PDB file of N, CA and C in Angstrom:
ATOM      1  N   MET A   1      12.732  31.672  -5.455  1.00  0.00           N
ATOM      2  CA  MET A   1      11.949  31.072  -4.106  1.00  0.00           C
ATOM      3  C   MET A   1      12.523  29.553  -3.845  1.00  0.00           C
ATOM      4  N   VAL A   2      12.812  29.077  -2.527  1.00  0.00           N
ATOM      5  CA  VAL A   2      13.552  27.966  -2.364  1.00  0.00           C
ATOM      6  C   VAL A   2      12.812  27.357  -1.457  1.00  0.00           C
ATOM      7  N   PHE A   3      12.339  25.875  -1.642  1.00  0.00           N
ATOM      8  CA  PHE A   3      11.708  24.955  -0.977  1.00  0.00           C
ATOM      9  C   PHE A   3      12.685  23.945  -0.232  1.00  0.00           C
ATOM     10  N   ARG A   4      12.340  23.807   1.025  1.00  0.00           N
ATOM     11  CA  ARG A   4      12.766  22.418   1.748  1.00  0.00           C
ATOM     12  C   ARG A   4      11.925  21.840   2.552  1.00  0.00           C
ATOM     13  N   ASN A   5      12.182  20.500   2.807  1.00  0.00           N
ATOM     14  CA  ASN A   5      11.372  19.658   3.820  1.00  0.00           C
ATOM     15  C   ASN A   5      11.246  20.241   5.159  1.00  0.00           C
ATOM     16  N   ASN A   6      10.422  19.945   5.917  1.00  0.00           N
ATOM     17  CA  ASN A   6      10.274  20.367   7.320  1.00  0.00           C
ATOM     18  C   ASN A   6       9.999  19.042   8.075  1.00  0.00           C
ATOM     19  N   LYS A   7       9.891  19.276   9.170  1.00  0.00           N
ATOM     20  CA  LYS A   7       9.456  18.075  10.187  1.00  0.00           C
ATOM     21  C   LYS A   7       8.525  17.204   9.688  1.00  0.00           C
ATOM     22  N   LEU A   8       7.133  17.825   9.374  1.00  0.00           N
ATOM     23  CA  LEU A   8       6.137  17.214   8.901  1.00  0.00           C
ATOM     24  C   LEU A   8       6.431  16.353   7.580  1.00  0.00           C
ATOM     25  N   SER A   9       7.100  17.171   6.428  1.00  0.00           N
ATOM     26  CA  SER A   9       7.475  16.542   5.497  1.00  0.00           C
ATOM     27  C   SER A   9       8.391  15.551   5.245  1.00  0.00           C
ATOM     28  N   ASN A  10       9.275  15.479   6.025  1.00  0.00           N
ATOM     29  CA  ASN A  10      10.639  14.707   6.178  1.00  0.00           C
ATOM     30  C   ASN A  10      10.087  13.281   5.900  1.00  0.00           C
ATOM     31  N   CYS A  11       9.001  13.018   6.295  1.00  0.00           N
ATOM     32  CA  CYS A  11       8.176  11.489   6.394  1.00  0.00           C
ATOM     33  C   CYS A  11       8.150  11.061   5.026  1.00  0.00           C
ATOM     34  N   LEU A  12       8.544  11.847   3.782  1.00  0.00           N
ATOM     35  CA  LEU A  12       8.044  11.626   2.516  1.00  0.00           C
ATOM     36  C   LEU A  12       9.573  11.505   2.025  1.00  0.00           C
ATOM     37  N   CYS A  13      10.462  11.552   2.406  1.00  0.00           N
ATOM     38  CA  CYS A  13      11.974  11.257   1.875  1.00  0.00           C
ATOM     39  C   CYS A  13      12.170   9.982   2.050  1.00  0.00           C
ATOM     40  N   ASN A  14      13.028   9.465   1.151  1.00  0.00           N
ATOM     41  CA  ASN A  14      13.616   7.789   1.112  1.00  0.00           C
ATOM     42  C   ASN A  14      14.313   7.572   2.131  1.00  0.00           C
ATOM     43  N   ASP A  15      15.027   8.627   2.481  1.00  0.00           N
ATOM     44  CA  ASP A  15      16.227   8.308   3.520  1.00  0.00           C
ATOM     45  C   ASP A  15      15.629   8.588   4.911  1.00  0.00           C
ATOM     46  N   ASP A  16      14.428   9.139   5.477  1.00  0.00           N
ATOM     47  CA  ASP A  16      13.800   9.196   6.528  1.00  0.00           C
ATOM     48  C   ASP A  16      13.502   7.911   7.166  1.00  0.00           C
ATOM     49  N   PRO A  17      13.907   7.341   8.444  1.00  0.00           N
ATOM     50  CA  PRO A  17      13.618   6.410   9.105  1.00  0.00           C
ATOM     51  C   PRO A  17      12.292   5.752   9.013  1.00  0.00           C
ATOM     52  N   GLN A  18      11.136   6.809   9.406  1.00  0.00           N
ATOM     53  CA  GLN A  18       9.843   6.717   9.274  1.00  0.00           C
ATOM     54  C   GLN A  18       9.261   7.135   8.033  1.00  0.00           C
ATOM     55  N   SER A  19       9.703   6.571   6.905  1.00  0.00           N
ATOM     56  CA  SER A  19       9.221   7.205   5.967  1.00  0.00           C
ATOM     57  C   SER A  19       8.155   6.554   5.317  1.00  0.00           C
ATOM     58  N   VAL A  20       6.983   7.019   4.931  1.00  0.00           N
ATOM     59  CA  VAL A  20       5.658   6.605   4.239  1.00  0.00           C
ATOM     60  C   VAL A  20       5.655   6.657   2.938  1.00  0.00           C
ATOM     61  N   ARG A  21       6.694   7.170   2.029  1.00  0.00           N
ATOM     62  CA  ARG A  21       6.562   7.545   0.788  1.00  0.00           C
ATOM     63  C   ARG A  21       6.260   6.594   0.144  1.00  0.00           C
ATOM     64  N   ALA A  22       6.754   5.121   0.147  1.00  0.00           N
ATOM     65  CA  ALA A  22       6.260   4.059  -0.379  1.00  0.00           C
ATOM     66  C   ALA A  22       4.675   3.690  -0.397  1.00  0.00           C
ATOM     67  N   MET A  23       4.233   3.792   0.886  1.00  0.00           N
ATOM     68  CA  MET A  23       2.826   3.726   1.071  1.00  0.00           C
ATOM     69  C   MET A  23       1.930   4.347   0.563  1.00  0.00           C
ATOM     70  N   ILE A  24       2.030   5.851   0.353  1.00  0.00           N
ATOM     71  CA  ILE A  24       1.513   6.975  -0.332  1.00  0.00           C
ATOM     72  C   ILE A  24       1.532   6.654  -1.693  1.00  0.00           C
ATOM     73  N   LEU A  25       2.734   6.240  -2.230  1.00  0.00           N
ATOM     74  CA  LEU A  25       2.735   5.823  -3.664  1.00  0.00           C
ATOM     75  C   LEU A  25       2.107   4.647  -4.007  1.00  0.00           C
ATOM     76  N   MET A  26       2.273   3.895  -3.410  1.00  0.00           N
ATOM     77  CA  MET A  26       1.371   2.491  -3.684  1.00  0.00           C
ATOM     78  C   MET A  26       0.008   2.697  -3.527  1.00  0.00           C
ATOM     79  N   HIS A  27      -0.567   3.303  -2.723  1.00  0.00           N
ATOM     80  CA  HIS A  27      -1.874   3.520  -2.503  1.00  0.00           C
ATOM     81  C   HIS A  27      -2.761   4.540  -3.635  1.00  0.00           C
ATOM     82  N   ASN A  28      -1.694   5.577  -3.856  1.00  0.00           N
ATOM     83  CA  ASN A  28      -2.015   6.385  -4.994  1.00  0.00           C
ATOM     84  C   ASN A  28      -1.847   5.991  -6.489  1.00  0.00           C
ATOM     85  N   SER A  29      -1.106   4.859  -6.453  1.00  0.00           N
ATOM     86  CA  SER A  29      -0.941   4.238  -7.893  1.00  0.00           C
ATOM     87  C   SER A  29      -2.164   3.663  -8.620  1.00  0.00           C
ATOM     88  N   GLU A  30      -2.026   3.850 -10.006  1.00  0.00           N
ATOM     89  CA  GLU A  30      -2.936   3.586 -10.830  1.00  0.00           C
ATOM     90  C   GLU A  30      -3.165   1.941 -10.537  1.00  0.00           C
ATOM     91  N   ALA A  31      -2.251   1.044 -10.333  1.00  0.00           N
ATOM     92  CA  ALA A  31      -2.290  -0.471 -10.256  1.00  0.00           C
ATOM     93  C   ALA A  31      -3.130  -0.827  -8.888  1.00  0.00           C
ATOM     94  N   PHE A  32      -2.745   0.033  -8.039  1.00  0.00           N
ATOM     95  CA  PHE A  32      -3.491  -0.507  -6.669  1.00  0.00           C
ATOM     96  C   PHE A  32      -4.706   0.261  -6.673  1.00  0.00           C
ATOM     97  N   SER A  33      -5.067   1.541  -7.004  1.00  0.00           N
ATOM     98  CA  SER A  33      -6.259   2.419  -6.858  1.00  0.00           C
ATOM     99  C   SER A  33      -7.589   2.217  -7.859  1.00  0.00           C
ATOM    100  N   ARG A  34      -6.967   1.739  -9.113  1.00  0.00           N
ATOM    101  CA  ARG A  34      -7.986   1.430 -10.210  1.00  0.00           C
ATOM    102  C   ARG A  34      -9.215   0.691  -9.728  1.00  0.00           C
ATOM    103  N   PRO A  35      -8.817  -0.676  -9.133  1.00  0.00           N
ATOM    104  CA  PRO A  35      -9.561  -1.897  -8.848  1.00  0.00           C
ATOM    105  C   PRO A  35     -10.859  -1.404  -7.979  1.00  0.00           C
ATOM    106  N   TRP A  36     -10.418  -0.572  -6.884  1.00  0.00           N
ATOM    107  CA  TRP A  36     -11.274  -0.201  -5.876  1.00  0.00           C
ATOM    108  C   TRP A  36     -12.496   0.919  -6.725  1.00  0.00           C
ATOM    109  N   PHE A  37     -11.765   1.748  -7.653  1.00  0.00           N
ATOM    110  CA  PHE A  37     -12.813   2.833  -8.193  1.00  0.00           C
ATOM    111  C   PHE A  37     -13.872   1.946  -9.172  1.00  0.00           C
ATOM    112  N   GLU A  38     -13.094   1.142  -9.805  1.00  0.00           N
ATOM    113  CA  GLU A  38     -13.863   0.467 -10.894  1.00  0.00           C
ATOM    114  C   GLU A  38     -14.621  -0.713 -10.345  1.00  0.00           C
ATOM    115  N   GLN A  39     -14.127  -1.410  -9.541  1.00  0.00           N
ATOM    116  CA  GLN A  39     -14.937  -2.653  -9.196  1.00  0.00           C
ATOM    117  C   GLN A  39     -15.372  -3.110  -7.635  1.00  0.00           C
ATOM    118  N   LEU A  40     -15.448  -1.995  -6.861  1.00  0.00           N
ATOM    119  CA  LEU A  40     -15.579  -1.811  -5.769  1.00  0.00           C
ATOM    120  C   LEU A  40     -17.270  -2.666  -5.307  1.00  0.00           C
ATOM    121  N   GLU A  41     -18.097  -2.147  -6.264  1.00  0.00           N
ATOM    122  CA  GLU A  41     -19.490  -2.201  -6.196  1.00  0.00           C
ATOM    123  C   GLU A  41     -19.630  -4.009  -6.451  1.00  0.00           C
ATOM    124  N   ALA A  42     -19.046  -4.193  -7.460  1.00  0.00           N
ATOM    125  CA  ALA A  42     -19.306  -5.510  -8.080  1.00  0.00           C
ATOM    126  C   ALA A  42     -18.421  -6.528  -7.159  1.00  0.00           C
ATOM    127  N   GLY A  43     -17.332  -6.179  -6.507  1.00  0.00           N
ATOM    128  CA  GLY A  43     -16.478  -6.930  -5.487  1.00  0.00           C
ATOM    129  C   GLY A  43     -17.693  -7.125  -4.304  1.00  0.00           C
ATOM    130  N   ILE A  44     -18.262  -6.158  -3.838  1.00  0.00           N
ATOM    131  CA  ILE A  44     -18.996  -6.275  -2.702  1.00  0.00           C
ATOM    132  C   ILE A  44     -20.584  -7.265  -2.979  1.00  0.00           C
ATOM    133  N   ARG A  45     -20.566  -7.181  -3.956  1.00  0.00           N
ATOM    134  CA  ARG A  45     -21.884  -7.956  -4.459  1.00  0.00           C
ATOM    135  C   ARG A  45     -21.409  -9.462  -4.777  1.00  0.00           C
ATOM    136  N   SER A  46     -20.453  -9.537  -5.327  1.00  0.00           N
ATOM    137  CA  SER A  46     -20.062 -11.139  -5.623  1.00  0.00           C
ATOM    138  C   SER A  46     -19.166 -11.694  -4.506  1.00  0.00           C
ATOM    139  N   GLY A  47     -18.561 -10.859  -3.635  1.00  0.00           N
ATOM    140  CA  GLY A  47     -17.769 -11.504  -2.633  1.00  0.00           C
ATOM    141  C   GLY A  47     -16.363 -11.673  -3.149  1.00  0.00           C
ATOM    142  N   THR A  48     -16.059 -11.137  -4.552  1.00  0.00           N
ATOM    143  CA  THR A  48     -14.872 -11.318  -5.204  1.00  0.00           C
ATOM    144  C   THR A  48     -14.061  -9.990  -4.883  1.00  0.00           C
ATOM    145  N   SER A  49     -12.865 -10.077  -4.429  1.00  0.00           N
ATOM    146  CA  SER A  49     -11.799  -8.813  -4.450  1.00  0.00           C
ATOM    147  C   SER A  49     -11.808  -8.316  -5.745  1.00  0.00           C
ATOM    148  N   PRO A  50     -12.036  -6.778  -5.507  1.00  0.00           N
ATOM    149  CA  PRO A  50     -11.884  -5.990  -6.626  1.00  0.00           C
ATOM    150  C   PRO A  50     -10.624  -5.871  -7.622  1.00  0.00           C
ATOM    151  N   PHE A  51      -9.613  -6.219  -6.672  1.00  0.00           N
ATOM    152  CA  PHE A  51      -8.447  -6.244  -7.535  1.00  0.00           C
ATOM    153  C   PHE A  51      -8.610  -7.539  -8.355  1.00  0.00           C
ATOM    154  N   GLN A  52      -8.873  -8.667  -8.106  1.00  0.00           N
ATOM    155  CA  GLN A  52      -9.122  -9.934  -8.949  1.00  0.00           C
ATOM    156  C   GLN A  52     -10.224  -9.531  -9.860  1.00  0.00           C
ATOM    157  N   LEU A  53     -11.248  -8.822 -10.047  1.00  0.00           N
ATOM    158  CA  LEU A  53     -12.047  -8.528 -10.785  1.00  0.00           C
ATOM    159  C   LEU A  53     -11.475  -7.519 -11.709  1.00  0.00           C
ATOM    160  N   CYS A  54     -10.713  -6.788 -11.425  1.00  0.00           N
ATOM    161  CA  CYS A  54     -10.005  -5.586 -12.579  1.00  0.00           C
ATOM    162  C   CYS A  54      -8.780  -6.271 -13.101  1.00  0.00           C
ATOM    163  N   ARG A  55      -7.986  -6.952 -12.532  1.00  0.00           N
ATOM    164  CA  ARG A  55      -6.884  -7.529 -13.261  1.00  0.00           C
ATOM    165  C   ARG A  55      -6.891  -9.015 -13.536  1.00  0.00           C
ATOM    166  N   GLY A  56      -7.860  -9.761 -13.076  1.00  0.00           N
ATOM    167  CA  GLY A  56      -8.026 -10.872 -13.655  1.00  0.00           C
ATOM    168  C   GLY A  56      -7.105 -11.825 -12.890  1.00  0.00           C
ATOM    169  N   LYS A  57      -6.398 -11.403 -11.743  1.00  0.00           N
ATOM    170  CA  LYS A  57      -5.457 -12.329 -10.969  1.00  0.00           C
ATOM    171  C   LYS A  57      -5.550 -11.691  -9.378  1.00  0.00           C
ATOM    172  N   ASP A  58      -5.320 -12.334  -8.419  1.00  0.00           N
ATOM    173  CA  ASP A  58      -5.019 -11.798  -7.234  1.00  0.00           C
ATOM    174  C   ASP A  58      -4.000 -10.745  -6.830  1.00  0.00           C
ATOM    175  N   LEU A  59      -3.588 -10.399  -5.875  1.00  0.00           N
ATOM    176  CA  LEU A  59      -2.692  -9.139  -5.638  1.00  0.00           C
ATOM    177  C   LEU A  59      -1.099 -10.031  -5.940  1.00  0.00           C
ATOM    178  N   PHE A  60      -0.989 -11.034  -5.136  1.00  0.00           N
ATOM    179  CA  PHE A  60       0.328 -11.561  -5.084  1.00  0.00           C
ATOM    180  C   PHE A  60       0.721 -12.041  -6.210  1.00  0.00           C
ATOM    181  N   ASP A  61      -0.062 -12.587  -7.280  1.00  0.00           N
ATOM    182  CA  ASP A  61       0.303 -13.238  -8.536  1.00  0.00           C
ATOM    183  C   ASP A  61       0.461 -11.695  -9.384  1.00  0.00           C
ATOM    184  N   TYR A  62      -0.256 -10.693  -9.019  1.00  0.00           N
ATOM    185  CA  TYR A  62       0.114  -9.609 -10.018  1.00  0.00           C
ATOM    186  C   TYR A  62       1.488  -9.083  -9.748  1.00  0.00           C
ATOM    187  N   LEU A  63       2.069  -9.288  -8.349  1.00  0.00           N
ATOM    188  CA  LEU A  63       3.276  -8.614  -7.853  1.00  0.00           C
ATOM    189  C   LEU A  63       4.254  -9.485  -8.411  1.00  0.00           C
ATOM    190  N   ASP A  64       3.848 -10.706  -8.762  1.00  0.00           N
ATOM    191  CA  ASP A  64       5.177 -11.314  -9.282  1.00  0.00           C
ATOM    192  C   ASP A  64       5.510 -11.332 -10.524  1.00  0.00           C
ATOM    193  N   GLN A  65       4.460 -10.451 -11.443  1.00  0.00           N
ATOM    194  CA  GLN A  65       4.675 -10.252 -12.896  1.00  0.00           C
ATOM    195  C   GLN A  65       4.650  -8.713 -12.916  1.00  0.00           C
ATOM    196  N   GLN A  66       4.933  -7.952 -11.692  1.00  0.00           N
ATOM    197  CA  GLN A  66       5.319  -6.464 -11.763  1.00  0.00           C
ATOM    198  C   GLN A  66       6.315  -6.008 -10.880  1.00  0.00           C
ATOM    199  N   PRO A  67       7.918  -6.205 -11.269  1.00  0.00           N
ATOM    200  CA  PRO A  67       8.890  -6.330 -10.295  1.00  0.00           C
ATOM    201  C   PRO A  67       8.713  -4.831  -9.403  1.00  0.00           C
ATOM    202  N   GLU A  68       8.589  -3.939 -10.521  1.00  0.00           N
ATOM    203  CA  GLU A  68       8.776  -2.446  -9.891  1.00  0.00           C
ATOM    204  C   GLU A  68       7.491  -2.096  -8.833  1.00  0.00           C
ATOM    205  N   PHE A  69       6.588  -2.489  -9.011  1.00  0.00           N
ATOM    206  CA  PHE A  69       5.162  -2.282  -8.025  1.00  0.00           C
ATOM    207  C   PHE A  69       5.735  -3.393  -6.746  1.00  0.00           C
ATOM    208  N   ASP A  70       6.147  -4.647  -7.038  1.00  0.00           N
ATOM    209  CA  ASP A  70       6.336  -5.531  -6.040  1.00  0.00           C
ATOM    210  C   ASP A  70       7.359  -5.065  -5.052  1.00  0.00           C
ATOM    211  N   GLN A  71       8.039  -4.335  -5.522  1.00  0.00           N
ATOM    212  CA  GLN A  71       9.645  -3.474  -4.786  1.00  0.00           C
ATOM    213  C   GLN A  71       8.759  -2.386  -3.953  1.00  0.00           C
ATOM    214  N   ASN A  72       7.751  -1.748  -4.558  1.00  0.00           N
ATOM    215  CA  ASN A  72       7.095  -0.352  -3.872  1.00  0.00           C
ATOM    216  C   ASN A  72       6.296  -1.104  -2.820  1.00  0.00           C
ATOM    217  N   PHE A  73       5.368  -2.060  -3.105  1.00  0.00           N
ATOM    218  CA  PHE A  73       4.429  -2.917  -2.319  1.00  0.00           C
ATOM    219  C   PHE A  73       5.365  -3.373  -0.777  1.00  0.00           C
ATOM    220  N   SER A  74       6.536  -3.887  -1.147  1.00  0.00           N
ATOM    221  CA  SER A  74       7.291  -4.424   0.015  1.00  0.00           C
ATOM    222  C   SER A  74       7.740  -3.402   1.006  1.00  0.00           C
ATOM    223  N   LYS A  75       8.132  -2.360   0.145  1.00  0.00           N
ATOM    224  CA  LYS A  75       8.786  -1.175   0.968  1.00  0.00           C
ATOM    225  C   LYS A  75       7.559  -0.681   1.655  1.00  0.00           C
ATOM    226  N   ALA A  76       6.364  -0.291   1.261  1.00  0.00           N
ATOM    227  CA  ALA A  76       5.237  -0.033   1.907  1.00  0.00           C
ATOM    228  C   ALA A  76       4.877  -0.874   3.095  1.00  0.00           C
ATOM    229  N   MET A  77       4.823  -2.116   3.021  1.00  0.00           N
ATOM    230  CA  MET A  77       4.362  -2.985   3.781  1.00  0.00           C
ATOM    231  C   MET A  77       5.566  -2.923   4.879  1.00  0.00           C
ATOM    232  N   ASP A  78       6.590  -2.541   4.887  1.00  0.00           N
ATOM    233  CA  ASP A  78       7.886  -2.243   5.623  1.00  0.00           C
ATOM    234  C   ASP A  78       7.312  -1.179   6.717  1.00  0.00           C
ATOM    235  N   SER A  79       6.728  -0.085   6.079  1.00  0.00           N
ATOM    236  CA  SER A  79       6.350   1.061   6.787  1.00  0.00           C
ATOM    237  C   SER A  79       5.171   0.830   7.845  1.00  0.00           C
ATOM    238  N   VAL A  80       4.664  -0.326   7.630  1.00  0.00           N
ATOM    239  CA  VAL A  80       3.117  -0.489   8.494  1.00  0.00           C
ATOM    240  C   VAL A  80       3.457  -0.413   9.807  1.00  0.00           C
ATOM    241  N   GLU A  81       4.904  -0.958  10.319  1.00  0.00           N
ATOM    242  CA  GLU A  81       4.983  -0.732  11.650  1.00  0.00           C
ATOM    243  C   GLU A  81       5.100   0.688  12.036  1.00  0.00           C
ATOM    244  N   PHE A  82       5.671   1.505  11.508  1.00  0.00           N
ATOM    245  CA  PHE A  82       5.827   3.051  11.795  1.00  0.00           C
ATOM    246  C   PHE A  82       4.634   3.741  11.995  1.00  0.00           C
ATOM    247  N   LEU A  83       3.646   2.957  11.001  1.00  0.00           N
ATOM    248  CA  LEU A  83       2.352   3.751  10.828  1.00  0.00           C
ATOM    249  C   LEU A  83       1.414   3.396  12.183  1.00  0.00           C
ATOM    250  N   ALA A  84       1.219   2.139  12.586  1.00  0.00           N
ATOM    251  CA  ALA A  84       0.639   1.341  13.263  1.00  0.00           C
ATOM    252  C   ALA A  84       1.078   0.877  14.416  1.00  0.00           C
ATOM    253  N   GLY A  85       2.547   0.905  14.328  1.00  0.00           N
ATOM    254  CA  GLY A  85       3.021   0.133  15.651  1.00  0.00           C
ATOM    255  C   GLY A  85       2.956  -1.419  15.397  1.00  0.00           C
ATOM    256  N   ASP A  86       3.267  -1.968  16.681  1.00  0.00           N
ATOM    257  CA  ASP A  86       3.150  -3.608  16.536  1.00  0.00           C
ATOM    258  C   ASP A  86       2.109  -3.914  17.462  1.00  0.00           C
ATOM    259  N   GLY A  87       0.921  -2.995  17.715  1.00  0.00           N
ATOM    260  CA  GLY A  87      -0.085  -3.523  18.458  1.00  0.00           C
ATOM    261  C   GLY A  87      -1.093  -4.430  17.662  1.00  0.00           C
ATOM    262  N   PHE A  88      -1.073  -4.333  16.370  1.00  0.00           N
ATOM    263  CA  PHE A  88      -1.950  -5.470  15.591  1.00  0.00           C
ATOM    264  C   PHE A  88      -1.439  -6.758  15.904  1.00  0.00           C
ATOM    265  N   ALA A  89      -0.268  -6.857  16.506  1.00  0.00           N
ATOM    266  CA  ALA A  89       0.275  -8.413  16.751  1.00  0.00           C
ATOM    267  C   ALA A  89       0.118  -8.270  17.950  1.00  0.00           C
ATOM    268  N   THR A  90       0.576  -7.672  18.959  1.00  0.00           N
ATOM    269  CA  THR A  90       0.571  -7.978  20.260  1.00  0.00           C
ATOM    270  C   THR A  90      -0.469  -7.785  21.050  1.00  0.00           C
ATOM    271  N   ASP A  91      -1.527  -7.081  21.000  1.00  0.00           N
ATOM    272  CA  ASP A  91      -2.671  -6.633  21.380  1.00  0.00           C
ATOM    273  C   ASP A  91      -3.764  -7.824  21.214  1.00  0.00           C
ATOM    274  N   MET A  92      -3.671  -8.438  20.197  1.00  0.00           N
ATOM    275  CA  MET A  92      -4.573  -9.518  19.802  1.00  0.00           C
ATOM    276  C   MET A  92      -4.603 -10.826  20.693  1.00  0.00           C
ATOM    277  N   ASP A  93      -5.734 -11.337  21.122  1.00  0.00           N
ATOM    278  CA  ASP A  93      -5.566 -12.695  21.379  1.00  0.00           C
ATOM    279  C   ASP A  93      -5.567 -13.907  20.463  1.00  0.00           C
ATOM    280  N   TRP A  94      -4.230 -14.234  20.070  1.00  0.00           N
ATOM    281  CA  TRP A  94      -4.119 -15.018  19.133  1.00  0.00           C
ATOM    282  C   TRP A  94      -4.262 -16.713  19.482  1.00  0.00           C
ATOM    283  N   SER A  95      -4.669 -16.823  20.760  1.00  0.00           N
ATOM    284  CA  SER A  95      -5.125 -17.953  21.129  1.00  0.00           C
ATOM    285  C   SER A  95      -6.256 -18.878  20.263  1.00  0.00           C
TER     286      SER A  95
END
């Protein structure tokens, strides 16, 4: 049996210009998803980020200490334009 990517799965390849691979890996990583599973209710009740409650630091401080996760997070943020376009920046009244 041989498998290969098709038009739909190409967006999971690193070399695809519209790759969402990093976004999927980030959202499904233990580092990113665990706080939401474990601390969502406490975060809502306290007004504190679930990430802060779980990790003891905010996301960006955590990224500073986790270079591999930081690199994947940066790639994921780069893919936002492909996912959402630039409407979030151009359609808002920023005045």
